[in-house]
Structures are given as C-alpha cells and as structure tokens.
Amino acid sequence: MSGARDSVLVEAFSEVVREARVALKMTQEQLAHDASVDRTYIGLLENAHRQPTLSVIFSIASSLGLTPETLVKRTRDRAARTRPSRP
C-alpha cells in the first residue's frame, strides 16, 4: 500500500458504515449522536472524504451494534472484493 490513504479501504469503510446505519433505520444524525461525533463528520465518512481514528471506529461500531472487529472485517472483505486483481 503506498501512502497513508488507501482509497479502496476508505471507500469500503464508507459503504459498510452506510449500509449498517441504513439497515438499522438510523439517520446520520442519530449515529453521530450515539457515537459522540458531529453529523457532518458521519457524512464525510460515508462519502469517503475522511478516514476515522481508531477511537471513532470503536465508537461507530458500538453505536451500530457491532464489534470493532466486525466493522473492520466487513471493510476488509468489501475492499478485497473491489480491489483489482493482481496478475
């Protein structure tokens, strides 16, 4: 992985969070409140414009009723499905 930002992982995380939130019929505002972050930050995460800190991953996972490990695994699995195959 080159650089500190892996766009495939960032995009995968955004999709995983959005899907989990929507499945719970939760608004961005509700998730933000539960996770103790600003609503605009949730929007930035869900649009792959920001990368979360470790503490935010833990907080969002808890607010979504997931373990941090599950959130990271879903992200990793999603990224693996979308990452181009290497010859």
PDB file of N, CA and C in Angstrom:
ATOM      1  N   MET A   1       0.855  -1.162   0.000  1.00  0.00           N
ATOM      2  CA  MET A   1       0.000   0.000   0.000  1.00  0.00           C
ATOM      3  C   MET A   1       0.904   1.228   0.000  1.00  0.00           C
ATOM      4  N   SER A   2       0.697   2.109  -0.935  1.00  0.00           N
ATOM      5  CA  SER A   2       1.515   3.303  -0.977  1.00  0.00           C
ATOM      6  C   SER A   2       0.801   4.453  -0.293  1.00  0.00           C
ATOM      7  N   GLY A   3       1.552   5.225   0.496  1.00  0.00           N
ATOM      8  CA  GLY A   3       0.961   6.371   1.174  1.00  0.00           C
ATOM      9  C   GLY A   3       0.095   5.945   2.348  1.00  0.00           C
ATOM     10  N   ALA A   4      -0.396   6.948   3.055  1.00  0.00           N
ATOM     11  CA  ALA A   4      -1.193   6.689   4.242  1.00  0.00           C
ATOM     12  C   ALA A   4      -2.670   6.484   3.918  1.00  0.00           C
ATOM     13  N   ARG A   5      -3.101   6.891   2.730  1.00  0.00           N
ATOM     14  CA  ARG A   5      -4.519   6.786   2.377  1.00  0.00           C
ATOM     15  C   ARG A   5      -4.705   5.706   1.320  1.00  0.00           C
ATOM     16  N   ASP A   6      -5.474   4.705   1.649  1.00  0.00           N
ATOM     17  CA  ASP A   6      -5.819   3.651   0.706  1.00  0.00           C
ATOM     18  C   ASP A   6      -7.260   3.911   0.298  1.00  0.00           C
ATOM     19  N   SER A   7      -7.450   4.446  -0.885  1.00  0.00           N
ATOM     20  CA  SER A   7      -8.787   4.866  -1.310  1.00  0.00           C
ATOM     21  C   SER A   7      -9.772   3.707  -1.372  1.00  0.00           C
ATOM     22  N   VAL A   8      -9.308   2.512  -1.668  1.00  0.00           N
ATOM     23  CA  VAL A   8     -10.209   1.354  -1.703  1.00  0.00           C
ATOM     24  C   VAL A   8     -10.727   1.051  -0.298  1.00  0.00           C
ATOM     25  N   LEU A   9      -9.847   1.094   0.691  1.00  0.00           N
ATOM     26  CA  LEU A   9     -10.274   0.862   2.078  1.00  0.00           C
ATOM     27  C   LEU A   9     -11.201   1.958   2.568  1.00  0.00           C
ATOM     28  N   VAL A  10     -10.874   3.197   2.247  1.00  0.00           N
ATOM     29  CA  VAL A  10     -11.706   4.321   2.682  1.00  0.00           C
ATOM     30  C   VAL A  10     -13.110   4.198   2.088  1.00  0.00           C
ATOM     31  N   GLU A  11     -13.195   3.875   0.819  1.00  0.00           N
ATOM     32  CA  GLU A  11     -14.492   3.704   0.155  1.00  0.00           C
ATOM     33  C   GLU A  11     -15.245   2.506   0.741  1.00  0.00           C
ATOM     34  N   ALA A  12     -14.538   1.421   0.990  1.00  0.00           N
ATOM     35  CA  ALA A  12     -15.175   0.234   1.574  1.00  0.00           C
ATOM     36  C   ALA A  12     -15.737   0.545   2.952  1.00  0.00           C
ATOM     37  N   PHE A  13     -14.964   1.257   3.766  1.00  0.00           N
ATOM     38  CA  PHE A  13     -15.436   1.625   5.105  1.00  0.00           C
ATOM     39  C   PHE A  13     -16.695   2.479   5.002  1.00  0.00           C
ATOM     40  N   SER A  14     -16.688   3.431   4.077  1.00  0.00           N
ATOM     41  CA  SER A  14     -17.842   4.313   3.933  1.00  0.00           C
ATOM     42  C   SER A  14     -19.097   3.517   3.580  1.00  0.00           C
ATOM     43  N   GLU A  15     -18.966   2.546   2.695  1.00  0.00           N
ATOM     44  CA  GLU A  15     -20.108   1.732   2.281  1.00  0.00           C
ATOM     45  C   GLU A  15     -20.600   0.847   3.423  1.00  0.00           C
ATOM     46  N   VAL A  16     -19.672   0.260   4.155  1.00  0.00           N
ATOM     47  CA  VAL A  16     -20.036  -0.626   5.265  1.00  0.00           C
ATOM     48  C   VAL A  16     -20.787   0.147   6.343  1.00  0.00           C
ATOM     49  N   VAL A  17     -20.290   1.325   6.687  1.00  0.00           N
ATOM     50  CA  VAL A  17     -20.960   2.133   7.712  1.00  0.00           C
ATOM     51  C   VAL A  17     -22.351   2.547   7.236  1.00  0.00           C
ATOM     52  N   ARG A  18     -22.438   3.046   6.011  1.00  0.00           N
ATOM     53  CA  ARG A  18     -23.732   3.488   5.482  1.00  0.00           C
ATOM     54  C   ARG A  18     -24.741   2.335   5.463  1.00  0.00           C
ATOM     55  N   GLU A  19     -24.320   1.173   4.971  1.00  0.00           N
ATOM     56  CA  GLU A  19     -25.230   0.025   4.902  1.00  0.00           C
ATOM     57  C   GLU A  19     -25.702  -0.412   6.286  1.00  0.00           C
ATOM     58  N   ALA A  20     -24.797  -0.438   7.243  1.00  0.00           N
ATOM     59  CA  ALA A  20     -25.172  -0.843   8.607  1.00  0.00           C
ATOM     60  C   ALA A  20     -26.128   0.173   9.220  1.00  0.00           C
ATOM     61  N   ARG A  21     -25.871   1.443   9.007  1.00  0.00           N
ATOM     62  CA  ARG A  21     -26.738   2.501   9.544  1.00  0.00           C
ATOM     63  C   ARG A  21     -28.133   2.419   8.927  1.00  0.00           C
ATOM     64  N   VAL A  22     -28.196   2.290   7.620  1.00  0.00           N
ATOM     65  CA  VAL A  22     -29.480   2.222   6.922  1.00  0.00           C
ATOM     66  C   VAL A  22     -30.254   0.967   7.337  1.00  0.00           C
ATOM     67  N   ALA A  23     -29.552  -0.150   7.505  1.00  0.00           N
ATOM     68  CA  ALA A  23     -30.216  -1.394   7.927  1.00  0.00           C
ATOM     69  C   ALA A  23     -30.886  -1.233   9.288  1.00  0.00           C
ATOM     70  N   LEU A  24     -30.323  -0.361  10.116  1.00  0.00           N
ATOM     71  CA  LEU A  24     -30.907  -0.096  11.436  1.00  0.00           C
ATOM     72  C   LEU A  24     -31.942   1.025  11.397  1.00  0.00           C
ATOM     73  N   LYS A  25     -32.196   1.556  10.184  1.00  0.00           N
ATOM     74  CA  LYS A  25     -33.118   2.685  10.010  1.00  0.00           C
ATOM     75  C   LYS A  25     -32.700   3.871  10.876  1.00  0.00           C
ATOM     76  N   MET A  26     -31.408   4.098  10.920  1.00  0.00           N
ATOM     77  CA  MET A  26     -30.816   5.149  11.732  1.00  0.00           C
ATOM     78  C   MET A  26     -30.402   6.300  10.809  1.00  0.00           C
ATOM     79  N   THR A  27     -30.633   7.516  11.236  1.00  0.00           N
ATOM     80  CA  THR A  27     -30.180   8.664  10.456  1.00  0.00           C
ATOM     81  C   THR A  27     -28.707   8.949  10.772  1.00  0.00           C
ATOM     82  N   GLN A  28     -28.086   9.742   9.920  1.00  0.00           N
ATOM     83  CA  GLN A  28     -26.714  10.170  10.205  1.00  0.00           C
ATOM     84  C   GLN A  28     -26.667  10.921  11.520  1.00  0.00           C
ATOM     85  N   GLU A  29     -27.679  11.724  11.761  1.00  0.00           N
ATOM     86  CA  GLU A  29     -27.726  12.496  12.999  1.00  0.00           C
ATOM     87  C   GLU A  29     -27.808  11.583  14.220  1.00  0.00           C
ATOM     88  N   GLN A  30     -28.630  10.541  14.145  1.00  0.00           N
ATOM     89  CA  GLN A  30     -28.734   9.589  15.260  1.00  0.00           C
ATOM     90  C   GLN A  30     -27.407   8.871  15.493  1.00  0.00           C
ATOM     91  N   LEU A  31     -26.780   8.424  14.410  1.00  0.00           N
ATOM     92  CA  LEU A  31     -25.493   7.740  14.553  1.00  0.00           C
ATOM     93  C   LEU A  31     -24.451   8.681  15.147  1.00  0.00           C
ATOM     94  N   ALA A  32     -24.425   9.898  14.658  1.00  0.00           N
ATOM     95  CA  ALA A  32     -23.462  10.878  15.170  1.00  0.00           C
ATOM     96  C   ALA A  32     -23.662  11.111  16.662  1.00  0.00           C
ATOM     97  N   HIS A  33     -24.907  11.268  17.057  1.00  0.00           N
ATOM     98  CA  HIS A  33     -25.204  11.495  18.480  1.00  0.00           C
ATOM     99  C   HIS A  33     -24.756  10.301  19.318  1.00  0.00           C
ATOM    100  N   ASP A  34     -25.132   9.106  18.874  1.00  0.00           N
ATOM    101  CA  ASP A  34     -24.770   7.893  19.613  1.00  0.00           C
ATOM    102  C   ASP A  34     -23.261   7.681  19.680  1.00  0.00           C
ATOM    103  N   ALA A  35     -22.561   8.061  18.611  1.00  0.00           N
ATOM    104  CA  ALA A  35     -21.113   7.848  18.545  1.00  0.00           C
ATOM    105  C   ALA A  35     -20.321   9.045  19.069  1.00  0.00           C
ATOM    106  N   SER A  36     -21.018  10.083  19.485  1.00  0.00           N
ATOM    107  CA  SER A  36     -20.390  11.304  20.018  1.00  0.00           C
ATOM    108  C   SER A  36     -19.457  11.979  19.020  1.00  0.00           C
ATOM    109  N   VAL A  37     -19.930  12.056  17.767  1.00  0.00           N
ATOM    110  CA  VAL A  37     -19.209  12.799  16.736  1.00  0.00           C
ATOM    111  C   VAL A  37     -20.204  13.729  16.044  1.00  0.00           C
ATOM    112  N   ASP A  38     -19.701  14.666  15.282  1.00  0.00           N
ATOM    113  CA  ASP A  38     -20.564  15.600  14.574  1.00  0.00           C
ATOM    114  C   ASP A  38     -21.255  14.916  13.389  1.00  0.00           C
ATOM    115  N   ARG A  39     -22.501  15.315  13.110  1.00  0.00           N
ATOM    116  CA  ARG A  39     -23.230  14.733  11.989  1.00  0.00           C
ATOM    117  C   ARG A  39     -22.498  14.933  10.675  1.00  0.00           C
ATOM    118  N   THR A  40     -21.878  16.090  10.500  1.00  0.00           N
ATOM    119  CA  THR A  40     -21.165  16.326   9.239  1.00  0.00           C
ATOM    120  C   THR A  40     -19.994  15.364   9.091  1.00  0.00           C
ATOM    121  N   TYR A  41     -19.402  14.953  10.195  1.00  0.00           N
ATOM    122  CA  TYR A  41     -18.301  14.000  10.143  1.00  0.00           C
ATOM    123  C   TYR A  41     -18.792  12.640   9.643  1.00  0.00           C
ATOM    124  N   ILE A  42     -19.975  12.224  10.092  1.00  0.00           N
ATOM    125  CA  ILE A  42     -20.552  10.967   9.601  1.00  0.00           C
ATOM    126  C   ILE A  42     -20.759  11.074   8.094  1.00  0.00           C
ATOM    127  N   GLY A  43     -21.277  12.192   7.637  1.00  0.00           N
ATOM    128  CA  GLY A  43     -21.464  12.403   6.206  1.00  0.00           C
ATOM    129  C   GLY A  43     -20.159  12.335   5.440  1.00  0.00           C
ATOM    130  N   LEU A  44     -19.121  12.935   6.000  1.00  0.00           N
ATOM    131  CA  LEU A  44     -17.803  12.891   5.353  1.00  0.00           C
ATOM    132  C   LEU A  44     -17.261  11.467   5.319  1.00  0.00           C
ATOM    133  N   LEU A  45     -17.460  10.717   6.386  1.00  0.00           N
ATOM    134  CA  LEU A  45     -17.023   9.315   6.406  1.00  0.00           C
ATOM    135  C   LEU A  45     -17.789   8.497   5.377  1.00  0.00           C
ATOM    136  N   GLU A  46     -19.114   8.688   5.332  1.00  0.00           N
ATOM    137  CA  GLU A  46     -19.940   7.904   4.422  1.00  0.00           C
ATOM    138  C   GLU A  46     -19.713   8.279   2.952  1.00  0.00           C
ATOM    139  N   ASN A  47     -19.143   9.431   2.717  1.00  0.00           N
ATOM    140  CA  ASN A  47     -18.822   9.838   1.347  1.00  0.00           C
ATOM    141  C   ASN A  47     -17.341   9.671   1.035  1.00  0.00           C
ATOM    142  N   ALA A  48     -16.632   8.967   1.907  1.00  0.00           N
ATOM    143  CA  ALA A  48     -15.214   8.638   1.724  1.00  0.00           C
ATOM    144  C   ALA A  48     -14.329   9.872   1.617  1.00  0.00           C
ATOM    145  N   HIS A  49     -14.706  10.926   2.349  1.00  0.00           N
ATOM    146  CA  HIS A  49     -13.890  12.138   2.365  1.00  0.00           C
ATOM    147  C   HIS A  49     -13.009  12.233   3.609  1.00  0.00           C
ATOM    148  N   ARG A  50     -13.219  11.343   4.558  1.00  0.00           N
ATOM    149  CA  ARG A  50     -12.427  11.313   5.788  1.00  0.00           C
ATOM    150  C   ARG A  50     -12.127   9.868   6.164  1.00  0.00           C
ATOM    151  N   GLN A  51     -11.033   9.701   6.924  1.00  0.00           N
ATOM    152  CA  GLN A  51     -10.680   8.404   7.495  1.00  0.00           C
ATOM    153  C   GLN A  51     -10.868   8.498   9.004  1.00  0.00           C
ATOM    154  N   PRO A  52     -11.493   7.501   9.605  1.00  0.00           N
ATOM    155  CA  PRO A  52     -11.734   7.574  11.048  1.00  0.00           C
ATOM    156  C   PRO A  52     -10.490   7.224  11.858  1.00  0.00           C
ATOM    157  N   THR A  53     -10.451   7.782  13.055  1.00  0.00           N
ATOM    158  CA  THR A  53      -9.417   7.380  14.004  1.00  0.00           C
ATOM    159  C   THR A  53      -9.846   6.050  14.626  1.00  0.00           C
ATOM    160  N   LEU A  54      -8.948   5.424  15.321  1.00  0.00           N
ATOM    161  CA  LEU A  54      -9.249   4.159  15.988  1.00  0.00           C
ATOM    162  C   LEU A  54     -10.381   4.341  16.990  1.00  0.00           C
ATOM    163  N   SER A  55     -10.356   5.416  17.753  1.00  0.00           N
ATOM    164  CA  SER A  55     -11.415   5.628  18.743  1.00  0.00           C
ATOM    165  C   SER A  55     -12.769   5.843  18.072  1.00  0.00           C
ATOM    166  N   VAL A  56     -12.793   6.482  16.912  1.00  0.00           N
ATOM    167  CA  VAL A  56     -14.049   6.678  16.184  1.00  0.00           C
ATOM    168  C   VAL A  56     -14.551   5.345  15.635  1.00  0.00           C
ATOM    169  N   ILE A  57     -13.660   4.501  15.157  1.00  0.00           N
ATOM    170  CA  ILE A  57     -14.079   3.173  14.691  1.00  0.00           C
ATOM    171  C   ILE A  57     -14.766   2.422  15.830  1.00  0.00           C
ATOM    172  N   PHE A  58     -14.181   2.456  17.017  1.00  0.00           N
ATOM    173  CA  PHE A  58     -14.773   1.775  18.170  1.00  0.00           C
ATOM    174  C   PHE A  58     -16.133   2.369  18.510  1.00  0.00           C
ATOM    175  N   SER A  59     -16.236   3.687  18.498  1.00  0.00           N
ATOM    176  CA  SER A  59     -17.474   4.363  18.851  1.00  0.00           C
ATOM    177  C   SER A  59     -18.582   4.097  17.830  1.00  0.00           C
ATOM    178  N   ILE A  60     -18.248   4.179  16.545  1.00  0.00           N
ATOM    179  CA  ILE A  60     -19.237   3.921  15.488  1.00  0.00           C
ATOM    180  C   ILE A  60     -19.682   2.465  15.532  1.00  0.00           C
ATOM    181  N   ALA A  61     -18.741   1.558  15.685  1.00  0.00           N
ATOM    182  CA  ALA A  61     -19.091   0.135  15.755  1.00  0.00           C
ATOM    183  C   ALA A  61     -20.088  -0.111  16.887  1.00  0.00           C
ATOM    184  N   SER A  62     -19.792   0.412  18.045  1.00  0.00           N
ATOM    185  CA  SER A  62     -20.683   0.234  19.199  1.00  0.00           C
ATOM    186  C   SER A  62     -22.063   0.813  18.913  1.00  0.00           C
ATOM    187  N   SER A  63     -22.108   1.983  18.313  1.00  0.00           N
ATOM    188  CA  SER A  63     -23.381   2.632  18.001  1.00  0.00           C
ATOM    189  C   SER A  63     -24.192   1.849  16.973  1.00  0.00           C
ATOM    190  N   LEU A  64     -23.502   1.081  16.144  1.00  0.00           N
ATOM    191  CA  LEU A  64     -24.173   0.258  15.135  1.00  0.00           C
ATOM    192  C   LEU A  64     -24.467  -1.158  15.641  1.00  0.00           C
ATOM    193  N   GLY A  65     -24.132  -1.408  16.910  1.00  0.00           N
ATOM    194  CA  GLY A  65     -24.370  -2.731  17.483  1.00  0.00           C
ATOM    195  C   GLY A  65     -23.394  -3.776  16.980  1.00  0.00           C
ATOM    196  N   LEU A  66     -22.216  -3.319  16.560  1.00  0.00           N
ATOM    197  CA  LEU A  66     -21.181  -4.220  16.044  1.00  0.00           C
ATOM    198  C   LEU A  66     -19.951  -4.148  16.925  1.00  0.00           C
ATOM    199  N   THR A  67     -19.112  -5.157  16.825  1.00  0.00           N
ATOM    200  CA  THR A  67     -17.798  -5.051  17.451  1.00  0.00           C
ATOM    201  C   THR A  67     -16.890  -4.317  16.466  1.00  0.00           C
ATOM    202  N   PRO A  68     -15.850  -3.671  16.956  1.00  0.00           N
ATOM    203  CA  PRO A  68     -14.897  -3.045  16.042  1.00  0.00           C
ATOM    204  C   PRO A  68     -14.305  -4.064  15.072  1.00  0.00           C
ATOM    205  N   GLU A  69     -14.091  -5.285  15.564  1.00  0.00           N
ATOM    206  CA  GLU A  69     -13.534  -6.335  14.714  1.00  0.00           C
ATOM    207  C   GLU A  69     -14.461  -6.647  13.538  1.00  0.00           C
ATOM    208  N   THR A  70     -15.757  -6.685  13.800  1.00  0.00           N
ATOM    209  CA  THR A  70     -16.726  -6.961  12.736  1.00  0.00           C
ATOM    210  C   THR A  70     -16.729  -5.832  11.711  1.00  0.00           C
ATOM    211  N   LEU A  71     -16.699  -4.600  12.177  1.00  0.00           N
ATOM    212  CA  LEU A  71     -16.680  -3.451  11.278  1.00  0.00           C
ATOM    213  C   LEU A  71     -15.425  -3.477  10.395  1.00  0.00           C
ATOM    214  N   VAL A  72     -14.291  -3.768  10.989  1.00  0.00           N
ATOM    215  CA  VAL A  72     -13.037  -3.833  10.225  1.00  0.00           C
ATOM    216  C   VAL A  72     -13.047  -5.026   9.269  1.00  0.00           C
ATOM    217  N   LYS A  73     -13.553  -6.163   9.711  1.00  0.00           N
ATOM    218  CA  LYS A  73     -13.610  -7.344   8.830  1.00  0.00           C
ATOM    219  C   LYS A  73     -14.511  -7.085   7.630  1.00  0.00           C
ATOM    220  N   ARG A  74     -15.670  -6.498   7.865  1.00  0.00           N
ATOM    221  CA  ARG A  74     -16.559  -6.175   6.746  1.00  0.00           C
ATOM    222  C   ARG A  74     -15.885  -5.210   5.775  1.00  0.00           C
ATOM    223  N   THR A  75     -15.156  -4.261   6.322  1.00  0.00           N
ATOM    224  CA  THR A  75     -14.429  -3.305   5.478  1.00  0.00           C
ATOM    225  C   THR A  75     -13.365  -4.023   4.667  1.00  0.00           C
ATOM    226  N   ARG A  76     -12.595  -4.873   5.324  1.00  0.00           N
ATOM    227  CA  ARG A  76     -11.544  -5.615   4.630  1.00  0.00           C
ATOM    228  C   ARG A  76     -12.127  -6.508   3.536  1.00  0.00           C
ATOM    229  N   ASP A  77     -13.208  -7.201   3.849  1.00  0.00           N
ATOM    230  CA  ASP A  77     -13.848  -8.076   2.868  1.00  0.00           C
ATOM    231  C   ASP A  77     -14.383  -7.284   1.681  1.00  0.00           C
ATOM    232  N   ARG A  78     -15.002  -6.155   1.944  1.00  0.00           N
ATOM    233  CA  ARG A  78     -15.533  -5.307   0.866  1.00  0.00           C
ATOM    234  C   ARG A  78     -14.392  -4.797  -0.002  1.00  0.00           C
ATOM    235  N   ALA A  79     -13.318  -4.358   0.618  1.00  0.00           N
ATOM    236  CA  ALA A  79     -12.171  -3.844  -0.144  1.00  0.00           C
ATOM    237  C   ALA A  79     -11.566  -4.945  -1.007  1.00  0.00           C
ATOM    238  N   ALA A  80     -11.494  -6.154  -0.469  1.00  0.00           N
ATOM    239  CA  ALA A  80     -10.916  -7.278  -1.225  1.00  0.00           C
ATOM    240  C   ALA A  80     -11.755  -7.601  -2.465  1.00  0.00           C
ATOM    241  N   ARG A  81     -13.070  -7.445  -2.346  1.00  0.00           N
ATOM    242  CA  ARG A  81     -13.939  -7.710  -3.495  1.00  0.00           C
ATOM    243  C   ARG A  81     -13.823  -6.641  -4.578  1.00  0.00           C
ATOM    244  N   THR A  82     -13.487  -5.427  -4.185  1.00  0.00           N
ATOM    245  CA  THR A  82     -13.444  -4.321  -5.164  1.00  0.00           C
ATOM    246  C   THR A  82     -12.044  -4.010  -5.660  1.00  0.00           C
ATOM    247  N   ARG A  83     -11.022  -4.514  -4.950  1.00  0.00           N
ATOM    248  CA  ARG A  83      -9.642  -4.236  -5.347  1.00  0.00           C
ATOM    249  C   ARG A  83      -9.336  -5.018  -6.631  1.00  0.00           C
ATOM    250  N   PRO A  84      -8.711  -4.367  -7.610  1.00  0.00           N
ATOM    251  CA  PRO A  84      -8.370  -5.074  -8.844  1.00  0.00           C
ATOM    252  C   PRO A  84      -7.418  -6.240  -8.566  1.00  0.00           C
ATOM    253  N   SER A  85      -7.615  -7.323  -9.287  1.00  0.00           N
ATOM    254  CA  SER A  85      -6.744  -8.493  -9.143  1.00  0.00           C
ATOM    255  C   SER A  85      -5.374  -8.188  -9.688  1.00  0.00           C
ATOM    256  N   ARG A  86      -4.389  -8.751  -9.017  1.00  0.00           N
ATOM    257  CA  ARG A  86      -3.012  -8.604  -9.496  1.00  0.00           C
ATOM    258  C   ARG A  86      -2.672  -9.791 -10.364  1.00  0.00           C
ATOM    259  N   PRO A  87      -2.023  -9.542 -11.494  1.00  0.00           N
ATOM    260  CA  PRO A  87      -1.653 -10.676 -12.399  1.00  0.00           C
ATOM    261  C   PRO A  87      -0.614 -11.577 -11.785  1.00  0.00           C
TER     262      PRO A  87
END
